[in-house]
PDB file of N, CA and C in Angstrom:
ATOM      1  N   MET A   1       0.899  -1.190  -0.030  1.00  0.00           N
ATOM      2  CA  MET A   1      -0.302  -0.116  -0.074  1.00  0.00           C
ATOM      3  C   MET A   1       0.975   1.259  -0.156  1.00  0.00           C
ATOM      4  N   PHE A   2       1.224   1.965  -1.175  1.00  0.00           N
ATOM      5  CA  PHE A   2       2.244   2.704  -1.190  1.00  0.00           C
ATOM      6  C   PHE A   2       1.443   4.246  -1.831  1.00  0.00           C
ATOM      7  N   ILE A   3      -0.080   3.730  -1.870  1.00  0.00           N
ATOM      8  CA  ILE A   3      -0.445   5.080  -2.325  1.00  0.00           C
ATOM      9  C   ILE A   3      -0.909   6.062  -1.307  1.00  0.00           C
ATOM     10  N   PHE A   4      -1.092   5.461  -0.189  1.00  0.00           N
ATOM     11  CA  PHE A   4      -1.450   6.262   0.657  1.00  0.00           C
ATOM     12  C   PHE A   4      -0.547   6.954   1.599  1.00  0.00           C
ATOM     13  N   PRO A   5       0.232   6.588   1.440  1.00  0.00           N
ATOM     14  CA  PRO A   5       2.078   7.332   2.036  1.00  0.00           C
ATOM     15  C   PRO A   5       2.034   8.609   1.112  1.00  0.00           C
ATOM     16  N   LEU A   6       1.705   8.166   0.107  1.00  0.00           N
ATOM     17  CA  LEU A   6       2.320   9.059  -1.417  1.00  0.00           C
ATOM     18  C   LEU A   6       1.226  10.129  -1.213  1.00  0.00           C
ATOM     19  N   LEU A   7      -0.025  10.003  -0.909  1.00  0.00           N
ATOM     20  CA  LEU A   7      -0.965  10.989  -1.144  1.00  0.00           C
ATOM     21  C   LEU A   7      -1.241  11.936   0.038  1.00  0.00           C
ATOM     22  N   ILE A   8      -0.713  10.942   1.275  1.00  0.00           N
ATOM     23  CA  ILE A   8      -0.383  11.774   2.656  1.00  0.00           C
ATOM     24  C   ILE A   8       0.853  13.151   2.512  1.00  0.00           C
ATOM     25  N   VAL A   9       1.767  12.417   1.885  1.00  0.00           N
ATOM     26  CA  VAL A   9       2.645  13.203   1.659  1.00  0.00           C
ATOM     27  C   VAL A   9       2.954  14.644   0.180  1.00  0.00           C
ATOM     28  N   ILE A  10       1.655  14.331  -0.847  1.00  0.00           N
ATOM     29  CA  ILE A  10       1.574  15.085  -1.577  1.00  0.00           C
ATOM     30  C   ILE A  10       0.320  16.605  -0.454  1.00  0.00           C
ATOM     31  N   SER A  11      -0.048  15.608  -0.304  1.00  0.00           N
ATOM     32  CA  SER A  11      -1.342  16.440  -0.062  1.00  0.00           C
ATOM     33  C   SER A  11      -0.496  17.539   1.225  1.00  0.00           C
ATOM     34  N   PHE A  12       0.019  16.892   2.038  1.00  0.00           N
ATOM     35  CA  PHE A  12       0.817  17.840   2.935  1.00  0.00           C
ATOM     36  C   PHE A  12       1.531  18.669   2.578  1.00  0.00           C
ATOM     37  N   VAL A  13       2.047  18.673   1.429  1.00  0.00           N
ATOM     38  CA  VAL A  13       3.379  19.471   1.010  1.00  0.00           C
ATOM     39  C   VAL A  13       2.441  20.788  -0.004  1.00  0.00           C
ATOM     40  N   LEU A  14       1.666  20.150  -0.441  1.00  0.00           N
ATOM     41  CA  LEU A  14       0.650  21.128  -0.997  1.00  0.00           C
ATOM     42  C   LEU A  14      -0.048  22.430  -0.021  1.00  0.00           C
ATOM     43  N   TYR A  15      -0.490  21.955   1.029  1.00  0.00           N
ATOM     44  CA  TYR A  15      -1.139  22.540   2.295  1.00  0.00           C
ATOM     45  C   TYR A  15       0.102  23.339   2.630  1.00  0.00           C
ATOM     46  N   ILE A  16       1.212  23.224   3.110  1.00  0.00           N
ATOM     47  CA  ILE A  16       2.240  23.971   3.510  1.00  0.00           C
ATOM     48  C   ILE A  16       2.521  24.700   2.254  1.00  0.00           C
ATOM     49  N   TYR A  17       2.538  24.389   1.234  1.00  0.00           N
ATOM     50  CA  TYR A  17       2.642  25.460   0.055  1.00  0.00           C
ATOM     51  C   TYR A  17       1.603  26.536  -0.006  1.00  0.00           C
ATOM     52  N   TYR A  18       0.476  26.383   0.216  1.00  0.00           N
ATOM     53  CA  TYR A  18      -0.327  27.147   0.082  1.00  0.00           C
ATOM     54  C   TYR A  18      -0.355  28.431   1.468  1.00  0.00           C
ATOM     55  N   LYS A  19      -0.006  27.735   2.505  1.00  0.00           N
ATOM     56  CA  LYS A  19       0.227  28.158   3.203  1.00  0.00           C
ATOM     57  C   LYS A  19       1.723  29.419   3.455  1.00  0.00           C
ATOM     58  N   VAL A  20       2.266  29.065   3.028  1.00  0.00           N
ATOM     59  CA  VAL A  20       3.553  29.864   2.307  1.00  0.00           C
ATOM     60  C   VAL A  20       3.172  31.101   1.218  1.00  0.00           C
ATOM     61  N   MET A  21       2.074  30.608   0.528  1.00  0.00           N
ATOM     62  CA  MET A  21       1.530  31.774  -0.599  1.00  0.00           C
ATOM     63  C   MET A  21       0.686  32.818   0.217  1.00  0.00           C
ATOM     64  N   ILE A  22       0.269  32.218   1.415  1.00  0.00           N
ATOM     65  CA  ILE A  22      -0.568  33.123   2.121  1.00  0.00           C
ATOM     66  C   ILE A  22       0.237  34.073   2.508  1.00  0.00           C
ATOM     67  N   VAL A  23       1.646  34.141   3.380  1.00  0.00           N
ATOM     68  CA  VAL A  23       2.262  34.836   4.005  1.00  0.00           C
ATOM     69  C   VAL A  23       2.883  35.773   2.884  1.00  0.00           C
ATOM     70  N   ARG A  24       3.223  35.149   1.642  1.00  0.00           N
ATOM     71  CA  ARG A  24       3.976  36.360   0.639  1.00  0.00           C
ATOM     72  C   ARG A  24       2.908  37.260  -0.230  1.00  0.00           C
ATOM     73  N   THR A  25       1.450  36.965  -0.218  1.00  0.00           N
ATOM     74  CA  THR A  25       0.887  37.838  -0.766  1.00  0.00           C
ATOM     75  C   THR A  25       0.276  38.979   0.069  1.00  0.00           C
ATOM     76  N   ARG A  26       0.022  39.932  -0.727  1.00  0.00           N
ATOM     77  CA  ARG A  26      -0.680  41.665   0.517  1.00  0.00           C
ATOM     78  C   ARG A  26      -2.055  41.358   0.249  1.00  0.00           C
ATOM     79  N   ASP A  27      -2.960  41.255  -0.875  1.00  0.00           N
ATOM     80  CA  ASP A  27      -4.300  41.199  -1.107  1.00  0.00           C
ATOM     81  C   ASP A  27      -4.979  40.723  -0.114  1.00  0.00           C
ATOM     82  N   PRO A  28      -5.692  40.624   0.496  1.00  0.00           N
ATOM     83  CA  PRO A  28      -6.621  39.990   1.305  1.00  0.00           C
ATOM     84  C   PRO A  28      -7.563  38.862   0.740  1.00  0.00           C
ATOM     85  N   LEU A  29      -8.153  39.417  -0.377  1.00  0.00           N
ATOM     86  CA  LEU A  29      -8.821  38.486  -0.892  1.00  0.00           C
ATOM     87  C   LEU A  29      -8.099  37.334  -1.631  1.00  0.00           C
ATOM     88  N   THR A  30      -6.940  37.338  -2.020  1.00  0.00           N
ATOM     89  CA  THR A  30      -5.918  36.541  -2.674  1.00  0.00           C
ATOM     90  C   THR A  30      -5.940  35.405  -1.132  1.00  0.00           C
ATOM     91  N   GLN A  31      -5.051  36.434  -0.376  1.00  0.00           N
ATOM     92  CA  GLN A  31      -5.313  35.157   1.272  1.00  0.00           C
ATOM     93  C   GLN A  31      -6.416  34.228   1.729  1.00  0.00           C
ATOM     94  N   GLU A  32      -7.536  35.091   1.671  1.00  0.00           N
ATOM     95  CA  GLU A  32      -8.482  34.002   1.956  1.00  0.00           C
ATOM     96  C   GLU A  32      -8.384  32.848   1.001  1.00  0.00           C
ATOM     97  N   TYR A  33      -8.786  32.768  -0.525  1.00  0.00           N
ATOM     98  CA  TYR A  33      -8.989  32.115  -1.449  1.00  0.00           C
ATOM     99  C   TYR A  33      -7.555  31.060  -1.115  1.00  0.00           C
ATOM    100  N   LEU A  34      -6.321  31.376  -1.071  1.00  0.00           N
ATOM    101  CA  LEU A  34      -5.373  30.920  -0.427  1.00  0.00           C
ATOM    102  C   LEU A  34      -5.445  29.454   0.326  1.00  0.00           C
ATOM    103  N   ASN A  35      -5.866  30.290   1.660  1.00  0.00           N
ATOM    104  CA  ASN A  35      -6.470  29.906   2.576  1.00  0.00           C
ATOM    105  C   ASN A  35      -7.108  28.548   2.815  1.00  0.00           C
ATOM    106  N   SER A  36      -8.360  29.228   1.564  1.00  0.00           N
ATOM    107  CA  SER A  36      -9.250  27.884   1.614  1.00  0.00           C
ATOM    108  C   SER A  36      -8.956  26.934   0.969  1.00  0.00           C
ATOM    109  N   LYS A  37      -8.050  27.189  -0.365  1.00  0.00           N
ATOM    110  CA  LYS A  37      -7.331  26.022  -0.624  1.00  0.00           C
ATOM    111  C   LYS A  37      -6.394  24.918   0.263  1.00  0.00           C
ATOM    112  N   SER A  38      -5.477  26.000   1.246  1.00  0.00           N
ATOM    113  CA  SER A  38      -4.944  25.259   2.050  1.00  0.00           C
ATOM    114  C   SER A  38      -5.708  24.343   2.804  1.00  0.00           C
ATOM    115  N   LYS A  39      -7.017  24.740   3.466  1.00  0.00           N
ATOM    116  CA  LYS A  39      -7.526  24.022   4.117  1.00  0.00           C
ATOM    117  C   LYS A  39      -8.238  22.390   3.216  1.00  0.00           C
ATOM    118  N   ILE A  40      -8.452  22.772   1.957  1.00  0.00           N
ATOM    119  CA  ILE A  40      -8.927  21.473   1.152  1.00  0.00           C
ATOM    120  C   ILE A  40      -7.506  20.366   1.424  1.00  0.00           C
ATOM    121  N   PHE A  41      -6.539  20.717   1.305  1.00  0.00           N
ATOM    122  CA  PHE A  41      -5.012  19.829   1.431  1.00  0.00           C
ATOM    123  C   PHE A  41      -5.244  19.408   2.660  1.00  0.00           C
ATOM    124  N   LEU A  42      -5.805  20.369   3.658  1.00  0.00           N
ATOM    125  CA  LEU A  42      -5.513  19.765   4.557  1.00  0.00           C
ATOM    126  C   LEU A  42      -6.395  18.698   5.472  1.00  0.00           C
ATOM    127  N   GLY A  43      -7.376  19.011   5.058  1.00  0.00           N
ATOM    128  CA  GLY A  43      -8.419  17.897   4.937  1.00  0.00           C
ATOM    129  C   GLY A  43      -8.271  16.614   4.100  1.00  0.00           C
ATOM    130  N   SER A  44      -7.673  16.599   3.134  1.00  0.00           N
ATOM    131  CA  SER A  44      -7.255  15.346   2.369  1.00  0.00           C
ATOM    132  C   SER A  44      -6.068  14.705   3.071  1.00  0.00           C
ATOM    133  N   PHE A  45      -5.321  15.576   3.650  1.00  0.00           N
ATOM    134  CA  PHE A  45      -3.938  15.027   4.644  1.00  0.00           C
ATOM    135  C   PHE A  45      -4.403  14.242   5.478  1.00  0.00           C
ATOM    136  N   ILE A  46      -5.772  14.686   6.472  1.00  0.00           N
ATOM    137  CA  ILE A  46      -5.965  14.069   7.378  1.00  0.00           C
ATOM    138  C   ILE A  46      -7.198  12.676   7.301  1.00  0.00           C
ATOM    139  N   LEU A  47      -7.526  12.956   6.227  1.00  0.00           N
ATOM    140  CA  LEU A  47      -8.128  11.825   5.212  1.00  0.00           C
ATOM    141  C   LEU A  47      -7.804  10.744   5.298  1.00  0.00           C
ATOM    142  N   PHE A  48      -6.322  10.914   3.989  1.00  0.00           N
ATOM    143  CA  PHE A  48      -5.787  10.069   3.809  1.00  0.00           C
ATOM    144  C   PHE A  48      -5.148   9.546   4.919  1.00  0.00           C
ATOM    145  N   PHE A  49      -4.504  10.508   5.833  1.00  0.00           N
ATOM    146  CA  PHE A  49      -4.197   9.679   6.997  1.00  0.00           C
ATOM    147  C   PHE A  49      -5.018   8.766   8.178  1.00  0.00           C
ATOM    148  N   GLY A  50      -6.067   8.883   8.190  1.00  0.00           N
ATOM    149  CA  GLY A  50      -7.087   8.038   8.932  1.00  0.00           C
ATOM    150  C   GLY A  50      -7.387   6.698   8.094  1.00  0.00           C
ATOM    151  N   VAL A  51      -7.263   6.694   7.046  1.00  0.00           N
ATOM    152  CA  VAL A  51      -7.362   5.677   5.801  1.00  0.00           C
ATOM    153  C   VAL A  51      -6.340   4.459   6.049  1.00  0.00           C
ATOM    154  N   ASN A  52      -5.122   5.539   6.224  1.00  0.00           N
ATOM    155  CA  ASN A  52      -3.918   4.602   6.420  1.00  0.00           C
ATOM    156  C   ASN A  52      -3.516   3.629   7.483  1.00  0.00           C
ATOM    157  N   GLN A  53      -3.926   4.695   8.773  1.00  0.00           N
ATOM    158  CA  GLN A  53      -3.539   4.138   9.694  1.00  0.00           C
ATOM    159  C   GLN A  53      -4.716   2.327   9.864  1.00  0.00           C
ATOM    160  N   TYR A  54      -5.784   2.686   9.117  1.00  0.00           N
ATOM    161  CA  TYR A  54      -7.052   1.877   9.576  1.00  0.00           C
ATOM    162  C   TYR A  54      -6.188   0.295   8.841  1.00  0.00           C
ATOM    163  N   VAL A  55      -5.901   0.735   7.465  1.00  0.00           N
ATOM    164  CA  VAL A  55      -5.339  -0.414   6.314  1.00  0.00           C
ATOM    165  C   VAL A  55      -4.170  -0.787   7.459  1.00  0.00           C
ATOM    166  N   PHE A  56      -3.319   0.173   7.674  1.00  0.00           N
ATOM    167  CA  PHE A  56      -2.185  -0.356   7.650  1.00  0.00           C
ATOM    168  C   PHE A  56      -1.772  -1.451   9.619  1.00  0.00           C
ATOM    169  N   TYR A  57      -3.028  -0.878  10.436  1.00  0.00           N
ATOM    170  CA  TYR A  57      -3.476  -1.510  11.452  1.00  0.00           C
ATOM    171  C   TYR A  57      -3.994  -2.742  11.795  1.00  0.00           C
ATOM    172  N   GLN A  58      -4.906  -2.310  11.406  1.00  0.00           N
ATOM    173  CA  GLN A  58      -6.703  -3.222  10.926  1.00  0.00           C
ATOM    174  C   GLN A  58      -7.123  -3.861  12.619  1.00  0.00           C
ATOM    175  N   THR A  59      -6.952  -2.714  13.649  1.00  0.00           N
ATOM    176  CA  THR A  59      -7.915  -3.068  14.730  1.00  0.00           C
ATOM    177  C   THR A  59      -8.668  -1.823  14.944  1.00  0.00           C
ATOM    178  N   LYS A  60      -9.712  -2.722  16.109  1.00  0.00           N
ATOM    179  CA  LYS A  60     -10.997  -2.073  16.297  1.00  0.00           C
ATOM    180  C   LYS A  60     -10.576  -0.637  17.196  1.00  0.00           C
ATOM    181  N   LEU A  61      -9.241  -0.662  17.497  1.00  0.00           N
ATOM    182  CA  LEU A  61      -9.024   1.126  17.989  1.00  0.00           C
ATOM    183  C   LEU A  61      -8.786   2.028  16.735  1.00  0.00           C
ATOM    184  N   SER A  62      -8.197   1.525  15.810  1.00  0.00           N
ATOM    185  CA  SER A  62      -7.677   1.846  14.872  1.00  0.00           C
ATOM    186  C   SER A  62      -8.943   2.615  14.261  1.00  0.00           C
ATOM    187  N   LEU A  63      -9.894   1.405  13.920  1.00  0.00           N
ATOM    188  CA  LEU A  63     -10.696   1.671  13.096  1.00  0.00           C
ATOM    189  C   LEU A  63     -11.454   3.329  13.575  1.00  0.00           C
ATOM    190  N   PHE A  64     -11.554   3.068  15.092  1.00  0.00           N
ATOM    191  CA  PHE A  64     -12.435   4.639  15.460  1.00  0.00           C
ATOM    192  C   PHE A  64     -11.640   5.238  15.260  1.00  0.00           C
ATOM    193  N   ILE A  65     -10.372   5.268  15.560  1.00  0.00           N
ATOM    194  CA  ILE A  65      -9.501   6.559  15.599  1.00  0.00           C
ATOM    195  C   ILE A  65      -9.520   7.329  13.900  1.00  0.00           C
ATOM    196  N   GLY A  66      -9.294   5.889  12.821  1.00  0.00           N
ATOM    197  CA  GLY A  66      -9.641   6.203  11.422  1.00  0.00           C
ATOM    198  C   GLY A  66     -10.779   6.961  10.645  1.00  0.00           C
ATOM    199  N   LEU A  67     -11.990   6.412  11.487  1.00  0.00           N
ATOM    200  CA  LEU A  67     -13.189   6.870  11.297  1.00  0.00           C
ATOM    201  C   LEU A  67     -13.637   8.490  11.898  1.00  0.00           C
ATOM    202  N   ILE A  68     -12.801   8.792  13.101  1.00  0.00           N
ATOM    203  CA  ILE A  68     -12.596  10.043  13.343  1.00  0.00           C
ATOM    204  C   ILE A  68     -12.529  10.954  12.548  1.00  0.00           C
ATOM    205  N   PHE A  69     -10.638  10.751  12.111  1.00  0.00           N
ATOM    206  CA  PHE A  69      -9.816  11.511  11.264  1.00  0.00           C
ATOM    207  C   PHE A  69     -10.702  11.878   9.782  1.00  0.00           C
ATOM    208  N   ILE A  70     -11.198  10.169   9.221  1.00  0.00           N
ATOM    209  CA  ILE A  70     -12.041  10.628   8.480  1.00  0.00           C
ATOM    210  C   ILE A  70     -13.111  11.498   8.310  1.00  0.00           C
ATOM    211  N   ALA A  71     -13.629  11.547   9.092  1.00  0.00           N
ATOM    212  CA  ALA A  71     -14.667  12.600   9.423  1.00  0.00           C
ATOM    213  C   ALA A  71     -14.518  13.685   9.352  1.00  0.00           C
ATOM    214  N   LEU A  72     -13.459  14.082  10.350  1.00  0.00           N
ATOM    215  CA  LEU A  72     -12.931  15.641  10.516  1.00  0.00           C
ATOM    216  C   LEU A  72     -12.256  15.666   9.101  1.00  0.00           C
ATOM    217  N   GLY A  73     -11.524  14.804   8.394  1.00  0.00           N
ATOM    218  CA  GLY A  73     -11.065  14.961   6.844  1.00  0.00           C
ATOM    219  C   GLY A  73     -11.849  15.795   5.969  1.00  0.00           C
ATOM    220  N   ILE A  74     -13.282  15.038   6.167  1.00  0.00           N
ATOM    221  CA  ILE A  74     -14.124  15.094   4.950  1.00  0.00           C
ATOM    222  C   ILE A  74     -14.868  16.778   5.451  1.00  0.00           C
ATOM    223  N   PHE A  75     -14.587  16.916   6.772  1.00  0.00           N
ATOM    224  CA  PHE A  75     -15.676  18.316   7.298  1.00  0.00           C
ATOM    225  C   PHE A  75     -14.656  19.298   6.701  1.00  0.00           C
ATOM    226  N   GLN A  76     -13.429  19.259   6.891  1.00  0.00           N
ATOM    227  CA  GLN A  76     -12.332  20.536   7.001  1.00  0.00           C
ATOM    228  C   GLN A  76     -12.208  20.729   5.122  1.00  0.00           C
ATOM    229  N   ALA A  77     -12.182  19.181   4.839  1.00  0.00           N
ATOM    230  CA  ALA A  77     -11.996  19.785   2.607  1.00  0.00           C
ATOM    231  C   ALA A  77     -13.461  19.933   2.246  1.00  0.00           C
ATOM    232  N   GLN A  78     -14.798  19.714   2.956  1.00  0.00           N
ATOM    233  CA  GLN A  78     -15.581  19.976   2.311  1.00  0.00           C
ATOM    234  C   GLN A  78     -15.911  21.835   2.453  1.00  0.00           C
ATOM    235  N   SER A  79     -15.123  22.258   3.929  1.00  0.00           N
ATOM    236  CA  SER A  79     -15.409  23.764   4.373  1.00  0.00           C
ATOM    237  C   SER A  79     -14.639  24.294   3.343  1.00  0.00           C
ATOM    238  N   GLY A  80     -13.268  23.636   2.921  1.00  0.00           N
ATOM    239  CA  GLY A  80     -12.609  24.340   2.262  1.00  0.00           C
ATOM    240  C   GLY A  80     -13.035  24.686   1.112  1.00  0.00           C
ATOM    241  N   TRP A  81     -13.699  23.479   0.178  1.00  0.00           N
ATOM    242  CA  TRP A  81     -13.892  23.555  -0.981  1.00  0.00           C
ATOM    243  C   TRP A  81     -15.320  24.566  -0.967  1.00  0.00           C
ATOM    244  N   LYS A  82     -16.223  24.821  -0.362  1.00  0.00           N
ATOM    245  CA  LYS A  82     -17.318  25.760  -0.408  1.00  0.00           C
ATOM    246  C   LYS A  82     -16.885  26.881  -0.493  1.00  0.00           C
ATOM    247  N   ALA A  83     -15.929  27.340   0.728  1.00  0.00           N
ATOM    248  CA  ALA A  83     -14.952  28.709   0.599  1.00  0.00           C
ATOM    249  C   ALA A  83     -14.028  29.103  -0.402  1.00  0.00           C
ATOM    250  N   SER A  84     -13.361  27.848  -1.208  1.00  0.00           N
ATOM    251  CA  SER A  84     -12.735  28.001  -2.367  1.00  0.00           C
ATOM    252  C   SER A  84     -13.877  28.640  -3.616  1.00  0.00           C
ATOM    253  N   LYS A  85     -14.927  28.041  -3.750  1.00  0.00           N
ATOM    254  CA  LYS A  85     -15.713  28.184  -4.466  1.00  0.00           C
ATOM    255  C   LYS A  85     -16.360  29.696  -4.741  1.00  0.00           C
ATOM    256  N   HIS A  86     -16.561  30.105  -3.188  1.00  0.00           N
ATOM    257  CA  HIS A  86     -16.865  31.376  -3.056  1.00  0.00           C
ATOM    258  C   HIS A  86     -15.848  32.367  -3.039  1.00  0.00           C
ATOM    259  N   TYR A  87     -14.632  32.460  -2.593  1.00  0.00           N
ATOM    260  CA  TYR A  87     -13.687  33.208  -2.840  1.00  0.00           C
ATOM    261  C   TYR A  87     -13.140  33.317  -4.613  1.00  0.00           C
ATOM    262  N   ARG A  88     -13.269  32.202  -5.399  1.00  0.00           N
ATOM    263  CA  ARG A  88     -13.124  32.179  -6.650  1.00  0.00           C
ATOM    264  C   ARG A  88     -13.890  32.998  -7.395  1.00  0.00           C
ATOM    265  N   ASN A  89     -15.065  32.767  -6.922  1.00  0.00           N
ATOM    266  CA  ASN A  89     -15.908  33.689  -7.799  1.00  0.00           C
ATOM    267  C   ASN A  89     -15.999  35.105  -7.401  1.00  0.00           C
ATOM    268  N   GLU A  90     -15.486  35.568  -6.254  1.00  0.00           N
ATOM    269  CA  GLU A  90     -15.345  37.043  -5.295  1.00  0.00           C
ATOM    270  C   GLU A  90     -14.042  36.886  -6.681  1.00  0.00           C
ATOM    271  N   TYR A  91     -13.021  36.700  -6.718  1.00  0.00           N
ATOM    272  CA  TYR A  91     -11.511  36.876  -7.047  1.00  0.00           C
ATOM    273  C   TYR A  91     -12.164  37.329  -8.691  1.00  0.00           C
ATOM    274  N   GLN A  92     -12.543  36.807  -9.179  1.00  0.00           N
ATOM    275  CA  GLN A  92     -13.258  36.982 -10.731  1.00  0.00           C
ATOM    276  C   GLN A  92     -14.226  38.220 -10.812  1.00  0.00           C
ATOM    277  N   LYS A  93     -14.997  38.268  -9.858  1.00  0.00           N
ATOM    278  CA  LYS A  93     -15.666  39.749 -10.146  1.00  0.00           C
ATOM    279  C   LYS A  93     -14.400  40.825  -9.904  1.00  0.00           C
ATOM    280  N   HIS A  94     -13.963  40.519  -8.421  1.00  0.00           N
ATOM    281  CA  HIS A  94     -12.808  41.340  -8.564  1.00  0.00           C
ATOM    282  C   HIS A  94     -11.450  41.953  -9.847  1.00  0.00           C
ATOM    283  N   GLN A  95     -11.385  41.392 -10.629  1.00  0.00           N
ATOM    284  CA  GLN A  95     -10.480  41.493 -11.509  1.00  0.00           C
ATOM    285  C   GLN A  95     -11.506  41.521 -12.842  1.00  0.00           C
ATOM    286  N   THR A  96     -12.695  41.667 -13.149  1.00  0.00           N
ATOM    287  CA  THR A  96     -13.597  41.879 -14.086  1.00  0.00           C
ATOM    288  C   THR A  96     -13.901  43.533 -13.674  1.00  0.00           C
ATOM    289  N   GLN A  97     -13.627  44.131 -12.860  1.00  0.00           N
ATOM    290  CA  GLN A  97     -14.296  45.018 -12.407  1.00  0.00           C
ATOM    291  C   GLN A  97     -13.007  46.293 -12.795  1.00  0.00           C
ATOM    292  N   PRO A  98     -13.582  47.035 -13.404  1.00  0.00           N
ATOM    293  CA  PRO A  98     -12.619  48.563 -14.000  1.00  0.00           C
ATOM    294  C   PRO A  98     -11.953  49.409 -12.853  1.00  0.00           C
TER     295      PRO A  98
END
């Protein structure tokens, strides 16, 4: 099962990338958009970590902890997705204004 550790690392690297990009930009709208993108990757990191822990250990305790991580990851990614859609539309409106 090499796929889950790879997905964990990729999502964590993208989370760090977007957090660094927040610091590098000055526009508040762009910062909010990048923060919402980072929430998506944080959620995917938590989700994949929960799945990986259950697949690796396969005990009842890891199942319960994995389910908690999966639920938190889905919630985080979903809220990041909704915010990302909102701020993407606001950013496009901001770009088209004279």
